[in-house]
PDB file of N, CA and C in Angstrom:
ATOM      1  N   MET A   1      13.902 -45.493  35.048  1.00  0.00           N
ATOM      2  CA  MET A   1      13.502 -44.124  34.831  1.00  0.00           C
ATOM      3  C   MET A   1      14.536 -43.373  33.997  1.00  0.00           C
ATOM      4  N   GLU A   2      15.798 -43.593  34.261  1.00  0.00           N
ATOM      5  CA  GLU A   2      16.842 -42.929  33.508  1.00  0.00           C
ATOM      6  C   GLU A   2      16.793 -43.298  32.037  1.00  0.00           C
ATOM      7  N   GLY A   3      16.391 -44.491  31.717  1.00  0.00           N
ATOM      8  CA  GLY A   3      16.279 -44.933  30.341  1.00  0.00           C
ATOM      9  C   GLY A   3      15.188 -44.178  29.599  1.00  0.00           C
ATOM     10  N   VAL A   4      14.090 -43.892  30.285  1.00  0.00           N
ATOM     11  CA  VAL A   4      12.983 -43.152  29.672  1.00  0.00           C
ATOM     12  C   VAL A   4      13.415 -41.723  29.378  1.00  0.00           C
ATOM     13  N   ILE A   5      14.118 -41.111  30.324  1.00  0.00           N
ATOM     14  CA  ILE A   5      14.597 -39.745  30.131  1.00  0.00           C
ATOM     15  C   ILE A   5      15.610 -39.687  28.991  1.00  0.00           C
ATOM     16  N   ALA A   6      16.479 -40.693  28.920  1.00  0.00           N
ATOM     17  CA  ALA A   6      17.491 -40.725  27.869  1.00  0.00           C
ATOM     18  C   ALA A   6      16.848 -40.830  26.496  1.00  0.00           C
ATOM     19  N   VAL A   7      15.710 -41.524  26.372  1.00  0.00           N
ATOM     20  CA  VAL A   7      15.010 -41.659  25.100  1.00  0.00           C
ATOM     21  C   VAL A   7      14.165 -40.419  24.832  1.00  0.00           C
ATOM     22  N   ALA A   8      13.567 -39.840  25.857  1.00  0.00           N
ATOM     23  CA  ALA A   8      12.662 -38.702  25.699  1.00  0.00           C
ATOM     24  C   ALA A   8      13.407 -37.432  25.307  1.00  0.00           C
ATOM     25  N   ALA A   9      14.628 -37.246  25.791  1.00  0.00           N
ATOM     26  CA  ALA A   9      15.361 -36.014  25.511  1.00  0.00           C
ATOM     27  C   ALA A   9      15.635 -35.846  24.014  1.00  0.00           C
ATOM     28  N   PRO A  10      16.166 -36.824  23.303  1.00  0.00           N
ATOM     29  CA  PRO A  10      16.372 -36.643  21.861  1.00  0.00           C
ATOM     30  C   PRO A  10      15.050 -36.467  21.108  1.00  0.00           C
ATOM     31  N   PHE A  11      14.012 -37.186  21.548  1.00  0.00           N
ATOM     32  CA  PHE A  11      12.697 -37.058  20.917  1.00  0.00           C
ATOM     33  C   PHE A  11      12.164 -35.633  21.077  1.00  0.00           C
ATOM     34  N   ALA A  12      12.337 -35.065  22.259  1.00  0.00           N
ATOM     35  CA  ALA A  12      11.875 -33.696  22.514  1.00  0.00           C
ATOM     36  C   ALA A  12      12.650 -32.709  21.654  1.00  0.00           C
ATOM     37  N   MET A  13      13.940 -32.936  21.469  1.00  0.00           N
ATOM     38  CA  MET A  13      14.735 -32.054  20.621  1.00  0.00           C
ATOM     39  C   MET A  13      14.254 -32.125  19.173  1.00  0.00           C
ATOM     40  N   VAL A  14      13.939 -33.323  18.695  1.00  0.00           N
ATOM     41  CA  VAL A  14      13.449 -33.481  17.324  1.00  0.00           C
ATOM     42  C   VAL A  14      12.119 -32.756  17.162  1.00  0.00           C
ATOM     43  N   VAL A  15      11.228 -32.901  18.123  1.00  0.00           N
ATOM     44  CA  VAL A  15       9.929 -32.225  18.074  1.00  0.00           C
ATOM     45  C   VAL A  15      10.128 -30.712  18.082  1.00  0.00           C
ATOM     46  N   ALA A  16      11.029 -30.224  18.911  1.00  0.00           N
ATOM     47  CA  ALA A  16      11.284 -28.785  18.981  1.00  0.00           C
ATOM     48  C   ALA A  16      11.839 -28.274  17.661  1.00  0.00           C
ATOM     49  N   ILE A  17      12.753 -28.993  17.059  1.00  0.00           N
ATOM     50  CA  ILE A  17      13.335 -28.576  15.782  1.00  0.00           C
ATOM     51  C   ILE A  17      12.267 -28.537  14.692  1.00  0.00           C
ATOM     52  N   VAL A  18      11.440 -29.575  14.632  1.00  0.00           N
ATOM     53  CA  VAL A  18      10.369 -29.616  13.628  1.00  0.00           C
ATOM     54  C   VAL A  18       9.416 -28.447  13.838  1.00  0.00           C
ATOM     55  N   TRP A  19       9.060 -28.161  15.094  1.00  0.00           N
ATOM     56  CA  TRP A  19       8.141 -27.062  15.395  1.00  0.00           C
ATOM     57  C   TRP A  19       8.744 -25.720  14.966  1.00  0.00           C
ATOM     58  N   ILE A  20      10.026 -25.516  15.253  1.00  0.00           N
ATOM     59  CA  ILE A  20      10.688 -24.264  14.889  1.00  0.00           C
ATOM     60  C   ILE A  20      10.711 -24.088  13.374  1.00  0.00           C
ATOM     61  N   VAL A  21      11.037 -25.151  12.650  1.00  0.00           N
ATOM     62  CA  VAL A  21      11.079 -25.075  11.190  1.00  0.00           C
ATOM     63  C   VAL A  21       9.689 -24.759  10.636  1.00  0.00           C
ATOM     64  N   GLN A  22       8.657 -25.399  11.165  1.00  0.00           N
ATOM     65  CA  GLN A  22       7.295 -25.148  10.687  1.00  0.00           C
ATOM     66  C   GLN A  22       6.868 -23.714  10.966  1.00  0.00           C
ATOM     67  N   GLN A  23       7.213 -23.198  12.121  1.00  0.00           N
ATOM     68  CA  GLN A  23       6.863 -21.803  12.438  1.00  0.00           C
ATOM     69  C   GLN A  23       7.566 -20.836  11.485  1.00  0.00           C
ATOM     70  N   GLY A  24       8.802 -21.134  11.140  1.00  0.00           N
ATOM     71  CA  GLY A  24       9.513 -20.308  10.179  1.00  0.00           C
ATOM     72  C   GLY A  24       8.834 -20.321   8.819  1.00  0.00           C
ATOM     73  N   LYS A  25       8.377 -21.492   8.383  1.00  0.00           N
ATOM     74  CA  LYS A  25       7.685 -21.591   7.098  1.00  0.00           C
ATOM     75  C   LYS A  25       6.375 -20.823   7.111  1.00  0.00           C
ATOM     76  N   VAL A  26       5.645 -20.915   8.214  1.00  0.00           N
ATOM     77  CA  VAL A  26       4.365 -20.208   8.327  1.00  0.00           C
ATOM     78  C   VAL A  26       4.597 -18.699   8.268  1.00  0.00           C
ATOM     79  N   ARG A  27       5.576 -18.209   8.995  1.00  0.00           N
ATOM     80  CA  ARG A  27       5.849 -16.769   9.005  1.00  0.00           C
ATOM     81  C   ARG A  27       6.332 -16.292   7.640  1.00  0.00           C
ATOM     82  N   ARG A  28       7.160 -17.078   6.984  1.00  0.00           N
ATOM     83  CA  ARG A  28       7.636 -16.711   5.647  1.00  0.00           C
ATOM     84  C   ARG A  28       6.463 -16.629   4.674  1.00  0.00           C
ATOM     85  N   ALA A  29       5.516 -17.567   4.778  1.00  0.00           N
ATOM     86  CA  ALA A  29       4.338 -17.551   3.909  1.00  0.00           C
ATOM     87  C   ALA A  29       3.482 -16.319   4.180  1.00  0.00           C
ATOM     88  N   GLU A  30       3.328 -15.949   5.454  1.00  0.00           N
ATOM     89  CA  GLU A  30       2.543 -14.762   5.800  1.00  0.00           C
ATOM     90  C   GLU A  30       3.170 -13.498   5.219  1.00  0.00           C
ATOM     91  N   LEU A  31       4.481 -13.412   5.280  1.00  0.00           N
ATOM     92  CA  LEU A  31       5.170 -12.226   4.764  1.00  0.00           C
ATOM     93  C   LEU A  31       5.135 -12.159   3.246  1.00  0.00           C
ATOM     94  N   SER A  32       5.152 -13.297   2.585  1.00  0.00           N
ATOM     95  CA  SER A  32       5.181 -13.296   1.122  1.00  0.00           C
ATOM     96  C   SER A  32       3.804 -13.035   0.510  1.00  0.00           C
ATOM     97  N   ARG A  33       2.749 -13.141   1.302  1.00  0.00           N
ATOM     98  CA  ARG A  33       1.392 -12.891   0.797  1.00  0.00           C
ATOM     99  C   ARG A  33       1.172 -11.445   0.413  1.00  0.00           C
ATOM    100  N   GLY A  34       1.857 -10.544   1.042  1.00  0.00           N
ATOM    101  CA  GLY A  34       1.675  -9.127   0.753  1.00  0.00           C
ATOM    102  C   GLY A  34       0.641  -8.513   1.680  1.00  0.00           C
ATOM    103  N   PRO A  35       0.328  -7.254   1.426  1.00  0.00           N
ATOM    104  CA  PRO A  35      -0.596  -6.545   2.311  1.00  0.00           C
ATOM    105  C   PRO A  35      -2.027  -7.068   2.183  1.00  0.00           C
ATOM    106  N   SER A  36      -2.724  -7.049   3.292  1.00  0.00           N
ATOM    107  CA  SER A  36      -4.120  -7.486   3.307  1.00  0.00           C
ATOM    108  C   SER A  36      -5.040  -6.300   3.022  1.00  0.00           C
ATOM    109  N   ARG A  37      -6.322  -6.561   2.948  1.00  0.00           N
ATOM    110  CA  ARG A  37      -7.290  -5.471   2.721  1.00  0.00           C
ATOM    111  C   ARG A  37      -7.261  -4.467   3.855  1.00  0.00           C
ATOM    112  N   GLU A  38      -7.069  -4.974   5.078  1.00  0.00           N
ATOM    113  CA  GLU A  38      -7.001  -4.070   6.225  1.00  0.00           C
ATOM    114  C   GLU A  38      -5.781  -3.170   6.116  1.00  0.00           C
ATOM    115  N   ASP A  39      -4.658  -3.740   5.672  1.00  0.00           N
ATOM    116  CA  ASP A  39      -3.460  -2.936   5.484  1.00  0.00           C
ATOM    117  C   ASP A  39      -3.695  -1.873   4.418  1.00  0.00           C
ATOM    118  N   ASP A  40      -4.388  -2.242   3.350  1.00  0.00           N
ATOM    119  CA  ASP A  40      -4.685  -1.274   2.284  1.00  0.00           C
ATOM    120  C   ASP A  40      -5.548  -0.135   2.812  1.00  0.00           C
ATOM    121  N   ALA A  41      -6.527  -0.465   3.665  1.00  0.00           N
ATOM    122  CA  ALA A  41      -7.404   0.562   4.235  1.00  0.00           C
ATOM    123  C   ALA A  41      -6.609   1.511   5.130  1.00  0.00           C
ATOM    124  N   VAL A  42      -5.734   0.954   5.938  1.00  0.00           N
ATOM    125  CA  VAL A  42      -4.906   1.776   6.822  1.00  0.00           C
ATOM    126  C   VAL A  42      -3.983   2.661   5.999  1.00  0.00           C
ATOM    127  N   MET A  43      -3.390   2.110   4.959  1.00  0.00           N
ATOM    128  CA  MET A  43      -2.498   2.889   4.107  1.00  0.00           C
ATOM    129  C   MET A  43      -3.257   4.008   3.397  1.00  0.00           C
ATOM    130  N   GLY A  44      -4.493   3.742   2.963  1.00  0.00           N
ATOM    131  CA  GLY A  44      -5.308   4.773   2.325  1.00  0.00           C
ATOM    132  C   GLY A  44      -5.625   5.904   3.278  1.00  0.00           C
ATOM    133  N   ALA A  45      -5.975   5.561   4.518  1.00  0.00           N
ATOM    134  CA  ALA A  45      -6.273   6.591   5.522  1.00  0.00           C
ATOM    135  C   ALA A  45      -5.029   7.413   5.833  1.00  0.00           C
ATOM    136  N   MET A  46      -3.904   6.741   5.938  1.00  0.00           N
ATOM    137  CA  MET A  46      -2.654   7.460   6.210  1.00  0.00           C
ATOM    138  C   MET A  46      -2.289   8.379   5.053  1.00  0.00           C
ATOM    139  N   GLN A  47      -2.499   7.934   3.814  1.00  0.00           N
ATOM    140  CA  GLN A  47      -2.190   8.764   2.654  1.00  0.00           C
ATOM    141  C   GLN A  47      -3.093   9.990   2.614  1.00  0.00           C
ATOM    142  N   ALA A  48      -4.375   9.819   2.964  1.00  0.00           N
ATOM    143  CA  ALA A  48      -5.302  10.951   2.995  1.00  0.00           C
ATOM    144  C   ALA A  48      -4.856  11.975   4.040  1.00  0.00           C
ATOM    145  N   GLN A  49      -4.420  11.488   5.189  1.00  0.00           N
ATOM    146  CA  GLN A  49      -3.957  12.390   6.235  1.00  0.00           C
ATOM    147  C   GLN A  49      -2.670  13.103   5.799  1.00  0.00           C
ATOM    148  N   ILE A  50      -1.783  12.395   5.140  1.00  0.00           N
ATOM    149  CA  ILE A  50      -0.553  13.015   4.646  1.00  0.00           C
ATOM    150  C   ILE A  50      -0.879  14.103   3.631  1.00  0.00           C
ATOM    151  N   ASP A  51      -1.852  13.841   2.747  1.00  0.00           N
ATOM    152  CA  ASP A  51      -2.249  14.841   1.757  1.00  0.00           C
ATOM    153  C   ASP A  51      -2.792  16.095   2.427  1.00  0.00           C
ATOM    154  N   LYS A  52      -3.637  15.927   3.449  1.00  0.00           N
ATOM    155  CA  LYS A  52      -4.180  17.076   4.169  1.00  0.00           C
ATOM    156  C   LYS A  52      -3.064  17.881   4.834  1.00  0.00           C
ATOM    157  N   LEU A  53      -2.133  17.180   5.473  1.00  0.00           N
ATOM    158  CA  LEU A  53      -1.039  17.870   6.146  1.00  0.00           C
ATOM    159  C   LEU A  53      -0.134  18.583   5.149  1.00  0.00           C
ATOM    160  N   THR A  54       0.066  18.002   3.992  1.00  0.00           N
ATOM    161  CA  THR A  54       0.869  18.635   2.954  1.00  0.00           C
ATOM    162  C   THR A  54       0.215  19.939   2.500  1.00  0.00           C
ATOM    163  N   ASP A  55      -1.103  19.919   2.336  1.00  0.00           N
ATOM    164  CA  ASP A  55      -1.824  21.136   1.958  1.00  0.00           C
ATOM    165  C   ASP A  55      -1.695  22.213   3.035  1.00  0.00           C
ATOM    166  N   ARG A  56      -1.806  21.801   4.290  1.00  0.00           N
ATOM    167  CA  ARG A  56      -1.703  22.767   5.383  1.00  0.00           C
ATOM    168  C   ARG A  56      -0.311  23.376   5.449  1.00  0.00           C
ATOM    169  N   VAL A  57       0.716  22.561   5.231  1.00  0.00           N
ATOM    170  CA  VAL A  57       2.082  23.077   5.243  1.00  0.00           C
ATOM    171  C   VAL A  57       2.279  24.069   4.096  1.00  0.00           C
ATOM    172  N   ALA A  58       1.697  23.771   2.941  1.00  0.00           N
ATOM    173  CA  ALA A  58       1.816  24.685   1.805  1.00  0.00           C
ATOM    174  C   ALA A  58       1.187  26.036   2.143  1.00  0.00           C
ATOM    175  N   VAL A  59       0.037  26.039   2.800  1.00  0.00           N
ATOM    176  CA  VAL A  59      -0.615  27.288   3.195  1.00  0.00           C
ATOM    177  C   VAL A  59       0.263  28.028   4.201  1.00  0.00           C
ATOM    178  N   LEU A  60       0.802  27.322   5.168  1.00  0.00           N
ATOM    179  CA  LEU A  60       1.660  27.971   6.161  1.00  0.00           C
ATOM    180  C   LEU A  60       2.920  28.547   5.514  1.00  0.00           C
ATOM    181  N   GLU A  61       3.502  27.830   4.572  1.00  0.00           N
ATOM    182  CA  GLU A  61       4.673  28.354   3.873  1.00  0.00           C
ATOM    183  C   GLU A  61       4.335  29.630   3.119  1.00  0.00           C
ATOM    184  N   ARG A  62       3.166  29.639   2.482  1.00  0.00           N
ATOM    185  CA  ARG A  62       2.756  30.830   1.750  1.00  0.00           C
ATOM    186  C   ARG A  62       2.557  32.003   2.701  1.00  0.00           C
ATOM    187  N   LEU A  63       1.972  31.753   3.865  1.00  0.00           N
ATOM    188  CA  LEU A  63       1.744  32.817   4.837  1.00  0.00           C
ATOM    189  C   LEU A  63       3.063  33.364   5.381  1.00  0.00           C
ATOM    190  N   VAL A  64       4.005  32.483   5.623  1.00  0.00           N
ATOM    191  CA  VAL A  64       5.281  32.906   6.204  1.00  0.00           C
ATOM    192  C   VAL A  64       6.108  33.698   5.200  1.00  0.00           C
ATOM    193  N   THR A  65       6.058  33.334   3.941  1.00  0.00           N
ATOM    194  CA  THR A  65       6.899  33.987   2.941  1.00  0.00           C
ATOM    195  C   THR A  65       6.225  35.179   2.278  1.00  0.00           C
ATOM    196  N   ASP A  66       4.978  35.451   2.598  1.00  0.00           N
ATOM    197  CA  ASP A  66       4.223  36.544   1.991  1.00  0.00           C
ATOM    198  C   ASP A  66       4.556  37.872   2.673  1.00  0.00           C
ATOM    199  N   ASP A  67       4.380  38.979   1.954  1.00  0.00           N
ATOM    200  CA  ASP A  67       4.618  40.278   2.578  1.00  0.00           C
ATOM    201  C   ASP A  67       3.445  40.631   3.495  1.00  0.00           C
ATOM    202  N   ASP A  68       3.695  41.533   4.439  1.00  0.00           N
ATOM    203  CA  ASP A  68       2.721  41.854   5.485  1.00  0.00           C
ATOM    204  C   ASP A  68       1.420  42.433   4.941  1.00  0.00           C
ATOM    205  N   ARG A  69       1.493  43.341   3.990  1.00  0.00           N
ATOM    206  CA  ARG A  69       0.277  43.979   3.488  1.00  0.00           C
ATOM    207  C   ARG A  69      -0.632  42.978   2.800  1.00  0.00           C
ATOM    208  N   ARG A  70      -0.050  42.164   1.997  1.00  0.00           N
ATOM    209  CA  ARG A  70      -0.850  41.161   1.281  1.00  0.00           C
ATOM    210  C   ARG A  70      -1.473  40.180   2.272  1.00  0.00           C
ATOM    211  N   LEU A  71      -0.701  39.790   3.273  1.00  0.00           N
ATOM    212  CA  LEU A  71      -1.203  38.880   4.299  1.00  0.00           C
ATOM    213  C   LEU A  71      -2.368  39.515   5.055  1.00  0.00           C
ATOM    214  N   ALA A  72      -2.241  40.793   5.407  1.00  0.00           N
ATOM    215  CA  ALA A  72      -3.313  41.476   6.122  1.00  0.00           C
ATOM    216  C   ALA A  72      -4.577  41.535   5.264  1.00  0.00           C
ATOM    217  N   ARG A  73      -4.432  41.809   3.953  1.00  0.00           N
ATOM    218  CA  ARG A  73      -5.605  41.844   3.063  1.00  0.00           C
ATOM    219  C   ARG A  73      -6.284  40.477   3.001  1.00  0.00           C
ATOM    220  N   GLU A  74      -5.488  39.416   2.904  1.00  0.00           N
ATOM    221  CA  GLU A  74      -6.078  38.068   2.835  1.00  0.00           C
ATOM    222  C   GLU A  74      -6.813  37.720   4.120  1.00  0.00           C
ATOM    223  N   ILE A  75      -6.212  38.063   5.249  1.00  0.00           N
ATOM    224  CA  ILE A  75      -6.870  37.776   6.534  1.00  0.00           C
ATOM    225  C   ILE A  75      -8.171  38.550   6.636  1.00  0.00           C
ATOM    226  N   ASP A  76      -8.149  39.821   6.267  1.00  0.00           N
ATOM    227  CA  ASP A  76      -9.362  40.631   6.311  1.00  0.00           C
ATOM    228  C   ASP A  76     -10.417  40.108   5.348  1.00  0.00           C
ATOM    229  N   SER A  77      -9.992  39.660   4.182  1.00  0.00           N
ATOM    230  CA  SER A  77     -10.978  39.135   3.236  1.00  0.00           C
ATOM    231  C   SER A  77     -11.588  37.830   3.752  1.00  0.00           C
ATOM    232  N   LEU A  78     -10.812  37.064   4.470  1.00  0.00           N
ATOM    233  CA  LEU A  78     -11.360  35.833   5.053  1.00  0.00           C
ATOM    234  C   LEU A  78     -12.352  36.154   6.168  1.00  0.00           C
ATOM    235  N   ARG A  79     -12.111  37.249   6.870  1.00  0.00           N
ATOM    236  CA  ARG A  79     -13.023  37.670   7.931  1.00  0.00           C
ATOM    237  C   ARG A  79     -14.275  38.322   7.360  1.00  0.00           C
ATOM    238  N   GLY A  80     -14.215  38.716   6.088  1.00  0.00           N
ATOM    239  CA  GLY A  80     -15.359  39.356   5.474  1.00  0.00           C
ATOM    240  C   GLY A  80     -15.292  40.863   5.531  1.00  0.00           C
ATOM    241  N   ARG A  81     -14.168  41.400   5.972  1.00  0.00           N
ATOM    242  CA  ARG A  81     -13.999  42.839   6.065  1.00  0.00           C
ATOM    243  C   ARG A  81     -12.965  43.263   5.042  1.00  0.00           C
ATOM    244  N   ASP A  82     -13.429  43.634   3.888  1.00  0.00           N
ATOM    245  CA  ASP A  82     -12.510  44.130   2.866  1.00  0.00           C
ATOM    246  C   ASP A  82     -12.141  45.565   3.191  1.00  0.00           C
ATOM    247  N   ARG A  83     -10.885  45.802   3.334  1.00  0.00           N
ATOM    248  CA  ARG A  83     -10.440  47.168   3.594  1.00  0.00           C
ATOM    249  C   ARG A  83      -9.529  47.586   2.447  1.00  0.00           C
ATOM    250  N   PRO A  84      -9.420  48.846   2.219  1.00  0.00           N
ATOM    251  CA  PRO A  84      -8.576  49.308   1.110  1.00  0.00           C
ATOM    252  C   PRO A  84      -7.118  48.940   1.357  1.00  0.00           C
ATOM    253  N   PRO A  85      -6.388  48.659   0.280  1.00  0.00           N
ATOM    254  CA  PRO A  85      -4.981  48.290   0.456  1.00  0.00           C
ATOM    255  C   PRO A  85      -4.182  49.445   1.029  1.00  0.00           C
ATOM    256  N   VAL A  86      -3.170  49.113   1.804  1.00  0.00           N
ATOM    257  CA  VAL A  86      -2.331  50.114   2.465  1.00  0.00           C
ATOM    258  C   VAL A  86      -1.230  50.549   1.559  1.00  0.00           C
TER     259      VAL A  86
END
């Protein structure tokens, strides 16, 4: 029995080494392929969301840096109630 174990242990190490090397090659090939169609779709959706958020931030920046009277006129015009300027 000891003879079988003595022969099996080096064989198992060789198999493990070969398996590890093959897994490394497979992963390297997957990474070198580049983005898939699904990745492109996800990136497109994320870019669209970023664009929307950028627009919203621009509006908020304009509101924060605007003077009070002009801001009040814009809000009233959005509500549909045009009032004379103050």
